Amino acid sequence: MKITDQIRKQVLANREQGFSYAKIAKATGISRSSVITIIKDHQIKDLPIHAKVLKICPNPRIILIYFGDQKENFAKCVIRAGMNYPQGKSLEVKKVDTSAEPLYRLA
């Protein structure tokens, strides 16, 4: 069976919903190893983004970050509690898929 773009999209959508590799393989009709390959290839394309620390939040696991020089366009970033993140520090982050608001994590 040829793996089409539609099948790739279905695999990624099912994975975002929390389906296991086996359930995705059964639903799409492709092998489990093909499912894993599609998911891993998608993750590799998800390259880190350069950001800077805007400020820390009261929650010790969250900081506000911004991209480029536009401090008014900021987002939340999940970090390790207890680490030092001074204002202006450069970070590499990746977007976490959420529907509510943009959320990032350290790359």
PDB file of N, CA and C in Angstrom:
ATOM      1  N   MET A   1       0.847  -1.184   0.000  1.00  0.00           N
ATOM      2  CA  MET A   1       0.000   0.000   0.000  1.00  0.00           C
ATOM      3  C   MET A   1       0.887   1.239   0.000  1.00  0.00           C
ATOM      4  N   LYS A   2       0.560   2.163  -0.866  1.00  0.00           N
ATOM      5  CA  LYS A   2       1.302   3.419  -0.931  1.00  0.00           C
ATOM      6  C   LYS A   2       0.788   4.357   0.163  1.00  0.00           C
ATOM      7  N   ILE A   3       1.733   4.997   0.851  1.00  0.00           N
ATOM      8  CA  ILE A   3       1.366   5.910   1.937  1.00  0.00           C
ATOM      9  C   ILE A   3       1.181   7.307   1.348  1.00  0.00           C
ATOM     10  N   THR A   4      -0.056   7.768   1.345  1.00  0.00           N
ATOM     11  CA  THR A   4      -0.393   9.071   0.778  1.00  0.00           C
ATOM     12  C   THR A   4      -0.299  10.164   1.843  1.00  0.00           C
ATOM     13  N   ASP A   5      -0.383  11.403   1.394  1.00  0.00           N
ATOM     14  CA  ASP A   5      -0.385  12.529   2.336  1.00  0.00           C
ATOM     15  C   ASP A   5      -1.600  12.460   3.257  1.00  0.00           C
ATOM     16  N   GLN A   6      -2.708  11.967   2.738  1.00  0.00           N
ATOM     17  CA  GLN A   6      -3.912  11.839   3.554  1.00  0.00           C
ATOM     18  C   GLN A   6      -3.685  10.843   4.694  1.00  0.00           C
ATOM     19  N   ILE A   7      -3.013   9.723   4.393  1.00  0.00           N
ATOM     20  CA  ILE A   7      -2.716   8.736   5.434  1.00  0.00           C
ATOM     21  C   ILE A   7      -1.758   9.334   6.460  1.00  0.00           C
ATOM     22  N   ARG A   8      -0.748  10.078   6.000  1.00  0.00           N
ATOM     23  CA  ARG A   8       0.194  10.721   6.928  1.00  0.00           C
ATOM     24  C   ARG A   8      -0.539  11.665   7.880  1.00  0.00           C
ATOM     25  N   LYS A   9      -1.439  12.467   7.330  1.00  0.00           N
ATOM     26  CA  LYS A   9      -2.210  13.401   8.157  1.00  0.00           C
ATOM     27  C   LYS A   9      -3.068  12.657   9.172  1.00  0.00           C
ATOM     28  N   GLN A  10      -3.666  11.548   8.746  1.00  0.00           N
ATOM     29  CA  GLN A  10      -4.493  10.761   9.651  1.00  0.00           C
ATOM     30  C   GLN A  10      -3.650  10.158  10.770  1.00  0.00           C
ATOM     31  N   VAL A  11      -2.452   9.657  10.421  1.00  0.00           N
ATOM     32  CA  VAL A  11      -1.543   9.095  11.427  1.00  0.00           C
ATOM     33  C   VAL A  11      -1.194  10.155  12.463  1.00  0.00           C
ATOM     34  N   LEU A  12      -0.795  11.345  12.009  1.00  0.00           N
ATOM     35  CA  LEU A  12      -0.401  12.415  12.930  1.00  0.00           C
ATOM     36  C   LEU A  12      -1.579  12.892  13.775  1.00  0.00           C
ATOM     37  N   ALA A  13      -2.758  12.982  13.165  1.00  0.00           N
ATOM     38  CA  ALA A  13      -3.945  13.410  13.919  1.00  0.00           C
ATOM     39  C   ALA A  13      -4.296  12.376  14.994  1.00  0.00           C
ATOM     40  N   ASN A  14      -4.223  11.102  14.631  1.00  0.00           N
ATOM     41  CA  ASN A  14      -4.521  10.045  15.609  1.00  0.00           C
ATOM     42  C   ASN A  14      -3.512  10.054  16.746  1.00  0.00           C
ATOM     43  N   ARG A  15      -2.256  10.299  16.426  1.00  0.00           N
ATOM     44  CA  ARG A  15      -1.221  10.326  17.472  1.00  0.00           C
ATOM     45  C   ARG A  15      -1.449  11.498  18.423  1.00  0.00           C
ATOM     46  N   GLU A  16      -1.852  12.654  17.884  1.00  0.00           N
ATOM     47  CA  GLU A  16      -2.134  13.813  18.728  1.00  0.00           C
ATOM     48  C   GLU A  16      -3.294  13.533  19.676  1.00  0.00           C
ATOM     49  N   GLN A  17      -4.205  12.663  19.269  1.00  0.00           N
ATOM     50  CA  GLN A  17      -5.337  12.295  20.109  1.00  0.00           C
ATOM     51  C   GLN A  17      -4.953  11.229  21.130  1.00  0.00           C
ATOM     52  N   GLY A  18      -3.703  10.756  21.079  1.00  0.00           N
ATOM     53  CA  GLY A  18      -3.226   9.812  22.077  1.00  0.00           C
ATOM     54  C   GLY A  18      -3.328   8.354  21.686  1.00  0.00           C
ATOM     55  N   PHE A  19      -3.611   8.054  20.412  1.00  0.00           N
ATOM     56  CA  PHE A  19      -3.706   6.665  19.970  1.00  0.00           C
ATOM     57  C   PHE A  19      -2.337   6.003  20.026  1.00  0.00           C
ATOM     58  N   SER A  20      -2.315   4.711  20.307  1.00  0.00           N
ATOM     59  CA  SER A  20      -1.058   3.942  20.301  1.00  0.00           C
ATOM     60  C   SER A  20      -0.663   3.662  18.852  1.00  0.00           C
ATOM     61  N   TYR A  21       0.603   3.262  18.659  1.00  0.00           N
ATOM     62  CA  TYR A  21       1.071   2.925  17.317  1.00  0.00           C
ATOM     63  C   TYR A  21       0.228   1.800  16.718  1.00  0.00           C
ATOM     64  N   ALA A  22      -0.080   0.794  17.531  1.00  0.00           N
ATOM     65  CA  ALA A  22      -0.856  -0.355  17.045  1.00  0.00           C
ATOM     66  C   ALA A  22      -2.265   0.067  16.603  1.00  0.00           C
ATOM     67  N   LYS A  23      -2.925   0.915  17.395  1.00  0.00           N
ATOM     68  CA  LYS A  23      -4.277   1.364  17.039  1.00  0.00           C
ATOM     69  C   LYS A  23      -4.252   2.208  15.766  1.00  0.00           C
ATOM     70  N   ILE A  24      -3.212   3.034  15.613  1.00  0.00           N
ATOM     71  CA  ILE A  24      -3.095   3.864  14.398  1.00  0.00           C
ATOM     72  C   ILE A  24      -2.882   2.965  13.193  1.00  0.00           C
ATOM     73  N   ALA A  25      -2.023   1.956  13.339  1.00  0.00           N
ATOM     74  CA  ALA A  25      -1.757   1.024  12.236  1.00  0.00           C
ATOM     75  C   ALA A  25      -3.034   0.311  11.810  1.00  0.00           C
ATOM     76  N   LYS A  26      -3.812  -0.120  12.775  1.00  0.00           N
ATOM     77  CA  LYS A  26      -5.062  -0.831  12.477  1.00  0.00           C
ATOM     78  C   LYS A  26      -6.061   0.106  11.789  1.00  0.00           C
ATOM     79  N   ALA A  27      -6.153   1.349  12.273  1.00  0.00           N
ATOM     80  CA  ALA A  27      -7.121   2.305  11.713  1.00  0.00           C
ATOM     81  C   ALA A  27      -6.761   2.741  10.291  1.00  0.00           C
ATOM     82  N   THR A  28      -5.464   2.828   9.990  1.00  0.00           N
ATOM     83  CA  THR A  28      -5.035   3.323   8.680  1.00  0.00           C
ATOM     84  C   THR A  28      -4.719   2.209   7.691  1.00  0.00           C
ATOM     85  N   GLY A  29      -4.521   0.999   8.200  1.00  0.00           N
ATOM     86  CA  GLY A  29      -4.221  -0.119   7.312  1.00  0.00           C
ATOM     87  C   GLY A  29      -2.771  -0.196   6.880  1.00  0.00           C
ATOM     88  N   ILE A  30      -1.889   0.478   7.599  1.00  0.00           N
ATOM     89  CA  ILE A  30      -0.454   0.399   7.292  1.00  0.00           C
ATOM     90  C   ILE A  30       0.255  -0.290   8.448  1.00  0.00           C
ATOM     91  N   SER A  31       1.509  -0.648   8.241  1.00  0.00           N
ATOM     92  CA  SER A  31       2.242  -1.379   9.274  1.00  0.00           C
ATOM     93  C   SER A  31       2.592  -0.462  10.448  1.00  0.00           C
ATOM     94  N   ARG A  32       2.821  -1.090  11.577  1.00  0.00           N
ATOM     95  CA  ARG A  32       3.212  -0.347  12.790  1.00  0.00           C
ATOM     96  C   ARG A  32       4.532   0.383  12.561  1.00  0.00           C
ATOM     97  N   SER A  33       5.473  -0.267  11.879  1.00  0.00           N
ATOM     98  CA  SER A  33       6.771   0.382  11.623  1.00  0.00           C
ATOM     99  C   SER A  33       6.612   1.603  10.718  1.00  0.00           C
ATOM    100  N   SER A  34       5.669   1.573   9.779  1.00  0.00           N
ATOM    101  CA  SER A  34       5.410   2.750   8.934  1.00  0.00           C
ATOM    102  C   SER A  34       4.824   3.887   9.762  1.00  0.00           C
ATOM    103  N   VAL A  35       3.949   3.537  10.704  1.00  0.00           N
ATOM    104  CA  VAL A  35       3.372   4.542  11.599  1.00  0.00           C
ATOM    105  C   VAL A  35       4.480   5.223  12.398  1.00  0.00           C
ATOM    106  N   ILE A  36       5.374   4.440  12.964  1.00  0.00           N
ATOM    107  CA  ILE A  36       6.481   4.987  13.759  1.00  0.00           C
ATOM    108  C   ILE A  36       7.360   5.891  12.899  1.00  0.00           C
ATOM    109  N   THR A  37       7.664   5.457  11.681  1.00  0.00           N
ATOM    110  CA  THR A  37       8.501   6.252  10.775  1.00  0.00           C
ATOM    111  C   THR A  37       7.848   7.588  10.460  1.00  0.00           C
ATOM    112  N   ILE A  38       6.550   7.591  10.167  1.00  0.00           N
ATOM    113  CA  ILE A  38       5.833   8.841   9.860  1.00  0.00           C
ATOM    114  C   ILE A  38       5.898   9.790  11.051  1.00  0.00           C
ATOM    115  N   ILE A  39       5.667   9.275  12.244  1.00  0.00           N
ATOM    116  CA  ILE A  39       5.668  10.116  13.441  1.00  0.00           C
ATOM    117  C   ILE A  39       7.061  10.667  13.723  1.00  0.00           C
ATOM    118  N   LYS A  40       8.070   9.840  13.615  1.00  0.00           N
ATOM    119  CA  LYS A  40       9.447  10.298  13.872  1.00  0.00           C
ATOM    120  C   LYS A  40       9.895  11.310  12.833  1.00  0.00           C
ATOM    121  N   ASP A  41       9.544  11.104  11.559  1.00  0.00           N
ATOM    122  CA  ASP A  41       9.895  12.072  10.514  1.00  0.00           C
ATOM    123  C   ASP A  41       9.250  13.423  10.794  1.00  0.00           C
ATOM    124  N   HIS A  42       8.028  13.403  11.274  1.00  0.00           N
ATOM    125  CA  HIS A  42       7.335  14.654  11.602  1.00  0.00           C
ATOM    126  C   HIS A  42       8.023  15.369  12.766  1.00  0.00           C
ATOM    127  N   GLN A  43       8.481  14.619  13.755  1.00  0.00           N
ATOM    128  CA  GLN A  43       9.150  15.216  14.913  1.00  0.00           C
ATOM    129  C   GLN A  43      10.485  15.829  14.531  1.00  0.00           C
ATOM    130  N   ILE A  44      11.207  15.232  13.582  1.00  0.00           N
ATOM    131  CA  ILE A  44      12.488  15.774  13.134  1.00  0.00           C
ATOM    132  C   ILE A  44      12.279  17.121  12.460  1.00  0.00           C
ATOM    133  N   LYS A  45      11.186  17.260  11.703  1.00  0.00           N
ATOM    134  CA  LYS A  45      10.899  18.519  11.019  1.00  0.00           C
ATOM    135  C   LYS A  45      10.545  19.632  11.998  1.00  0.00           C
ATOM    136  N   ASP A  46      10.178  19.265  13.207  1.00  0.00           N
ATOM    137  CA  ASP A  46       9.804  20.221  14.250  1.00  0.00           C
ATOM    138  C   ASP A  46      11.083  20.776  14.890  1.00  0.00           C
ATOM    139  N   LEU A  47      11.760  21.657  14.159  1.00  0.00           N
ATOM    140  CA  LEU A  47      13.040  22.190  14.604  1.00  0.00           C
ATOM    141  C   LEU A  47      12.873  23.224  15.714  1.00  0.00           C
ATOM    142  N   PRO A  48      13.894  23.375  16.549  1.00  0.00           N
ATOM    143  CA  PRO A  48      13.824  24.374  17.622  1.00  0.00           C
ATOM    144  C   PRO A  48      13.729  25.803  17.081  1.00  0.00           C
ATOM    145  N   ILE A  49      13.100  26.661  17.862  1.00  0.00           N
ATOM    146  CA  ILE A  49      12.926  28.070  17.526  1.00  0.00           C
ATOM    147  C   ILE A  49      13.733  28.895  18.525  1.00  0.00           C
ATOM    148  N   HIS A  50      14.397  29.934  18.049  1.00  0.00           N
ATOM    149  CA  HIS A  50      15.177  30.810  18.925  1.00  0.00           C
ATOM    150  C   HIS A  50      14.227  31.790  19.629  1.00  0.00           C
ATOM    151  N   ALA A  51      14.352  31.889  20.945  1.00  0.00           N
ATOM    152  CA  ALA A  51      13.529  32.805  21.738  1.00  0.00           C
ATOM    153  C   ALA A  51      14.375  33.407  22.851  1.00  0.00           C
ATOM    154  N   LYS A  52      13.822  34.436  23.499  1.00  0.00           N
ATOM    155  CA  LYS A  52      14.488  35.072  24.635  1.00  0.00           C
ATOM    156  C   LYS A  52      13.509  35.167  25.801  1.00  0.00           C
ATOM    157  N   VAL A  53      14.057  35.184  27.003  1.00  0.00           N
ATOM    158  CA  VAL A  53      13.239  35.273  28.211  1.00  0.00           C
ATOM    159  C   VAL A  53      12.726  36.696  28.384  1.00  0.00           C
ATOM    160  N   LEU A  54      11.416  36.834  28.533  1.00  0.00           N
ATOM    161  CA  LEU A  54      10.819  38.134  28.821  1.00  0.00           C
ATOM    162  C   LEU A  54      10.782  38.347  30.330  1.00  0.00           C
ATOM    163  N   LYS A  55      10.199  37.375  31.052  1.00  0.00           N
ATOM    164  CA  LYS A  55      10.184  37.445  32.519  1.00  0.00           C
ATOM    165  C   LYS A  55       9.754  36.112  33.086  1.00  0.00           C
ATOM    166  N   ILE A  56      10.043  35.907  34.363  1.00  0.00           N
ATOM    167  CA  ILE A  56       9.598  34.691  35.040  1.00  0.00           C
ATOM    168  C   ILE A  56       8.185  34.919  35.569  1.00  0.00           C
ATOM    169  N   CYS A  57       7.484  33.848  35.814  1.00  0.00           N
ATOM    170  CA  CYS A  57       6.112  33.917  36.320  1.00  0.00           C
ATOM    171  C   CYS A  57       6.081  33.436  37.764  1.00  0.00           C
ATOM    172  N   PRO A  58       4.990  33.697  38.473  1.00  0.00           N
ATOM    173  CA  PRO A  58       4.866  33.172  39.841  1.00  0.00           C
ATOM    174  C   PRO A  58       4.954  31.644  39.889  1.00  0.00           C
ATOM    175  N   ASN A  59       4.451  30.983  38.863  1.00  0.00           N
ATOM    176  CA  ASN A  59       4.589  29.528  38.766  1.00  0.00           C
ATOM    177  C   ASN A  59       6.059  29.222  38.428  1.00  0.00           C
ATOM    178  N   PRO A  60       6.782  28.480  39.263  1.00  0.00           N
ATOM    179  CA  PRO A  60       8.217  28.250  39.027  1.00  0.00           C
ATOM    180  C   PRO A  60       8.514  27.395  37.801  1.00  0.00           C
ATOM    181  N   ARG A  61       7.505  26.849  37.158  1.00  0.00           N
ATOM    182  CA  ARG A  61       7.728  26.019  35.978  1.00  0.00           C
ATOM    183  C   ARG A  61       7.394  26.738  34.678  1.00  0.00           C
ATOM    184  N   ILE A  62       7.037  28.032  34.754  1.00  0.00           N
ATOM    185  CA  ILE A  62       6.636  28.792  33.569  1.00  0.00           C
ATOM    186  C   ILE A  62       7.433  30.086  33.479  1.00  0.00           C
ATOM    187  N   ILE A  63       7.889  30.408  32.263  1.00  0.00           N
ATOM    188  CA  ILE A  63       8.466  31.723  31.979  1.00  0.00           C
ATOM    189  C   ILE A  63       7.765  32.272  30.746  1.00  0.00           C
ATOM    190  N   LEU A  64       7.825  33.583  30.577  1.00  0.00           N
ATOM    191  CA  LEU A  64       7.318  34.206  29.365  1.00  0.00           C
ATOM    192  C   LEU A  64       8.485  34.414  28.422  1.00  0.00           C
ATOM    193  N   ILE A  65       8.297  34.061  27.148  1.00  0.00           N
ATOM    194  CA  ILE A  65       9.346  34.210  26.147  1.00  0.00           C
ATOM    195  C   ILE A  65       8.830  35.061  24.992  1.00  0.00           C
ATOM    196  N   TYR A  66       9.763  35.600  24.218  1.00  0.00           N
ATOM    197  CA  TYR A  66       9.393  36.343  23.013  1.00  0.00           C
ATOM    198  C   TYR A  66      10.346  35.967  21.897  1.00  0.00           C
ATOM    199  N   PHE A  67       9.960  36.289  20.690  1.00  0.00           N
ATOM    200  CA  PHE A  67      10.720  35.906  19.509  1.00  0.00           C
ATOM    201  C   PHE A  67      11.199  37.149  18.779  1.00  0.00           C
ATOM    202  N   GLY A  68      12.468  37.148  18.381  1.00  0.00           N
ATOM    203  CA  GLY A  68      13.036  38.303  17.701  1.00  0.00           C
ATOM    204  C   GLY A  68      13.102  39.489  18.643  1.00  0.00           C
ATOM    205  N   ASP A  69      12.702  40.652  18.159  1.00  0.00           N
ATOM    206  CA  ASP A  69      12.722  41.866  18.984  1.00  0.00           C
ATOM    207  C   ASP A  69      11.318  42.307  19.388  1.00  0.00           C
ATOM    208  N   GLN A  70      10.313  41.482  19.144  1.00  0.00           N
ATOM    209  CA  GLN A  70       8.936  41.866  19.400  1.00  0.00           C
ATOM    210  C   GLN A  70       8.478  41.359  20.765  1.00  0.00           C
ATOM    211  N   LYS A  71       8.745  42.140  21.797  1.00  0.00           N
ATOM    212  CA  LYS A  71       8.410  41.741  23.160  1.00  0.00           C
ATOM    213  C   LYS A  71       6.908  41.698  23.405  1.00  0.00           C
ATOM    214  N   GLU A  72       6.116  42.382  22.564  1.00  0.00           N
ATOM    215  CA  GLU A  72       4.674  42.366  22.782  1.00  0.00           C
ATOM    216  C   GLU A  72       4.037  41.047  22.318  1.00  0.00           C
ATOM    217  N   ASN A  73       4.739  40.292  21.488  1.00  0.00           N
ATOM    218  CA  ASN A  73       4.257  38.976  21.058  1.00  0.00           C
ATOM    219  C   ASN A  73       4.955  37.906  21.883  1.00  0.00           C
ATOM    220  N   PHE A  74       4.414  37.638  23.064  1.00  0.00           N
ATOM    221  CA  PHE A  74       5.071  36.682  23.960  1.00  0.00           C
ATOM    222  C   PHE A  74       4.223  35.434  24.119  1.00  0.00           C
ATOM    223  N   ALA A  75       4.859  34.383  24.644  1.00  0.00           N
ATOM    224  CA  ALA A  75       4.180  33.116  24.876  1.00  0.00           C
ATOM    225  C   ALA A  75       4.728  32.498  26.153  1.00  0.00           C
ATOM    226  N   LYS A  76       4.033  31.494  26.659  1.00  0.00           N
ATOM    227  CA  LYS A  76       4.489  30.786  27.849  1.00  0.00           C
ATOM    228  C   LYS A  76       5.411  29.642  27.439  1.00  0.00           C
ATOM    229  N   CYS A  77       6.380  29.365  28.312  1.00  0.00           N
ATOM    230  CA  CYS A  77       7.317  28.270  28.084  1.00  0.00           C
ATOM    231  C   CYS A  77       7.464  27.473  29.375  1.00  0.00           C
ATOM    232  N   VAL A  78       7.348  26.155  29.267  1.00  0.00           N
ATOM    233  CA  VAL A  78       7.512  25.274  30.417  1.00  0.00           C
ATOM    234  C   VAL A  78       9.009  25.018  30.615  1.00  0.00           C
ATOM    235  N   ILE A  79       9.468  25.158  31.859  1.00  0.00           N
ATOM    236  CA  ILE A  79      10.884  24.984  32.178  1.00  0.00           C
ATOM    237  C   ILE A  79      11.041  24.042  33.367  1.00  0.00           C
ATOM    238  N   ARG A  80      12.284  23.753  33.701  1.00  0.00           N
ATOM    239  CA  ARG A  80      12.577  22.990  34.910  1.00  0.00           C
ATOM    240  C   ARG A  80      12.593  23.957  36.085  1.00  0.00           C
ATOM    241  N   ALA A  81      11.877  23.627  37.116  1.00  0.00           N
ATOM    242  CA  ALA A  81      11.824  24.498  38.289  1.00  0.00           C
ATOM    243  C   ALA A  81      13.202  24.599  38.923  1.00  0.00           C
ATOM    244  N   GLY A  82      13.527  25.774  39.430  1.00  0.00           N
ATOM    245  CA  GLY A  82      14.783  25.980  40.136  1.00  0.00           C
ATOM    246  C   GLY A  82      15.939  26.403  39.259  1.00  0.00           C
ATOM    247  N   MET A  83      15.743  26.461  37.954  1.00  0.00           N
ATOM    248  CA  MET A  83      16.822  26.877  37.057  1.00  0.00           C
ATOM    249  C   MET A  83      16.808  28.406  36.923  1.00  0.00           C
ATOM    250  N   ASN A  84      17.936  28.966  36.552  1.00  0.00           N
ATOM    251  CA  ASN A  84      18.077  30.417  36.445  1.00  0.00           C
ATOM    252  C   ASN A  84      17.815  30.857  35.004  1.00  0.00           C
ATOM    253  N   TYR A  85      16.791  31.660  34.805  1.00  0.00           N
ATOM    254  CA  TYR A  85      16.448  32.173  33.494  1.00  0.00           C
ATOM    255  C   TYR A  85      16.324  33.698  33.568  1.00  0.00           C
ATOM    256  N   PRO A  86      17.436  34.438  33.517  1.00  0.00           N
ATOM    257  CA  PRO A  86      17.365  35.897  33.600  1.00  0.00           C
ATOM    258  C   PRO A  86      16.752  36.506  32.337  1.00  0.00           C
ATOM    259  N   GLN A  87      16.220  37.713  32.481  1.00  0.00           N
ATOM    260  CA  GLN A  87      15.633  38.409  31.333  1.00  0.00           C
ATOM    261  C   GLN A  87      16.659  38.547  30.226  1.00  0.00           C
ATOM    262  N   GLY A  88      16.201  38.307  28.982  1.00  0.00           N
ATOM    263  CA  GLY A  88      17.058  38.456  27.821  1.00  0.00           C
ATOM    264  C   GLY A  88      17.873  37.219  27.474  1.00  0.00           C
ATOM    265  N   LYS A  89      17.859  36.193  28.329  1.00  0.00           N
ATOM    266  CA  LYS A  89      18.626  34.977  28.055  1.00  0.00           C
ATOM    267  C   LYS A  89      18.067  34.293  26.807  1.00  0.00           C
ATOM    268  N   SER A  90      18.957  33.843  25.916  1.00  0.00           N
ATOM    269  CA  SER A  90      18.552  33.143  24.700  1.00  0.00           C
ATOM    270  C   SER A  90      18.253  31.683  25.003  1.00  0.00           C
ATOM    271  N   LEU A  91      17.195  31.180  24.376  1.00  0.00           N
ATOM    272  CA  LEU A  91      16.768  29.796  24.551  1.00  0.00           C
ATOM    273  C   LEU A  91      16.393  29.196  23.208  1.00  0.00           C
ATOM    274  N   GLU A  92      16.450  27.881  23.126  1.00  0.00           N
ATOM    275  CA  GLU A  92      15.909  27.148  21.988  1.00  0.00           C
ATOM    276  C   GLU A  92      14.659  26.441  22.500  1.00  0.00           C
ATOM    277  N   VAL A  93      13.523  26.676  21.846  1.00  0.00           N
ATOM    278  CA  VAL A  93      12.253  26.108  22.298  1.00  0.00           C
ATOM    279  C   VAL A  93      11.547  25.389  21.153  1.00  0.00           C
ATOM    280  N   LYS A  94      10.616  24.525  21.527  1.00  0.00           N
ATOM    281  CA  LYS A  94       9.746  23.848  20.567  1.00  0.00           C
ATOM    282  C   LYS A  94       8.310  24.058  21.001  1.00  0.00           C
ATOM    283  N   LYS A  95       7.435  24.184  20.020  1.00  0.00           N
ATOM    284  CA  LYS A  95       6.024  24.392  20.310  1.00  0.00           C
ATOM    285  C   LYS A  95       5.388  23.086  20.762  1.00  0.00           C
ATOM    286  N   VAL A  96       4.561  23.189  21.783  1.00  0.00           N
ATOM    287  CA  VAL A  96       3.773  22.056  22.270  1.00  0.00           C
ATOM    288  C   VAL A  96       2.380  22.248  21.708  1.00  0.00           C
ATOM    289  N   ASP A  97       1.833  21.210  21.101  1.00  0.00           N
ATOM    290  CA  ASP A  97       0.514  21.335  20.496  1.00  0.00           C
ATOM    291  C   ASP A  97      -0.567  21.410  21.559  1.00  0.00           C
ATOM    292  N   THR A  98      -1.171  22.587  21.648  1.00  0.00           N
ATOM    293  CA  THR A  98      -2.317  22.792  22.532  1.00  0.00           C
ATOM    294  C   THR A  98      -3.348  23.591  21.758  1.00  0.00           C
ATOM    295  N   SER A  99      -4.578  23.454  22.118  1.00  0.00           N
ATOM    296  CA  SER A  99      -5.621  24.187  21.399  1.00  0.00           C
ATOM    297  C   SER A  99      -5.937  25.527  22.065  1.00  0.00           C
ATOM    298  N   ALA A 100      -5.662  25.634  23.349  1.00  0.00           N
ATOM    299  CA  ALA A 100      -6.059  26.830  24.091  1.00  0.00           C
ATOM    300  C   ALA A 100      -5.185  28.043  23.762  1.00  0.00           C
ATOM    301  N   GLU A 101      -3.891  27.920  23.916  1.00  0.00           N
ATOM    302  CA  GLU A 101      -2.976  29.045  23.691  1.00  0.00           C
ATOM    303  C   GLU A 101      -1.602  28.506  23.317  1.00  0.00           C
ATOM    304  N   PRO A 102      -0.761  29.332  22.700  1.00  0.00           N
ATOM    305  CA  PRO A 102       0.580  28.858  22.343  1.00  0.00           C
ATOM    306  C   PRO A 102       1.383  28.512  23.596  1.00  0.00           C
ATOM    307  N   LEU A 103       1.989  27.347  23.592  1.00  0.00           N
ATOM    308  CA  LEU A 103       2.800  26.890  24.710  1.00  0.00           C
ATOM    309  C   LEU A 103       4.055  26.246  24.144  1.00  0.00           C
ATOM    310  N   TYR A 104       5.182  26.543  24.763  1.00  0.00           N
ATOM    311  CA  TYR A 104       6.464  26.029  24.299  1.00  0.00           C
ATOM    312  C   TYR A 104       7.157  25.276  25.434  1.00  0.00           C
ATOM    313  N   ARG A 105       8.172  24.510  25.057  1.00  0.00           N
ATOM    314  CA  ARG A 105       9.026  23.822  26.035  1.00  0.00           C
ATOM    315  C   ARG A 105      10.455  23.999  25.563  1.00  0.00           C
ATOM    316  N   LEU A 106      11.402  23.786  26.475  1.00  0.00           N
ATOM    317  CA  LEU A 106      12.806  23.890  26.107  1.00  0.00           C
ATOM    318  C   LEU A 106      13.148  22.790  25.111  1.00  0.00           C
ATOM    319  N   ALA A 107      13.933  23.117  24.112  1.00  0.00           N
ATOM    320  CA  ALA A 107      14.331  22.125  23.103  1.00  0.00           C
ATOM    321  C   ALA A 107      15.460  21.258  23.612  1.00  0.00           C
TER     322      ALA A 107
END
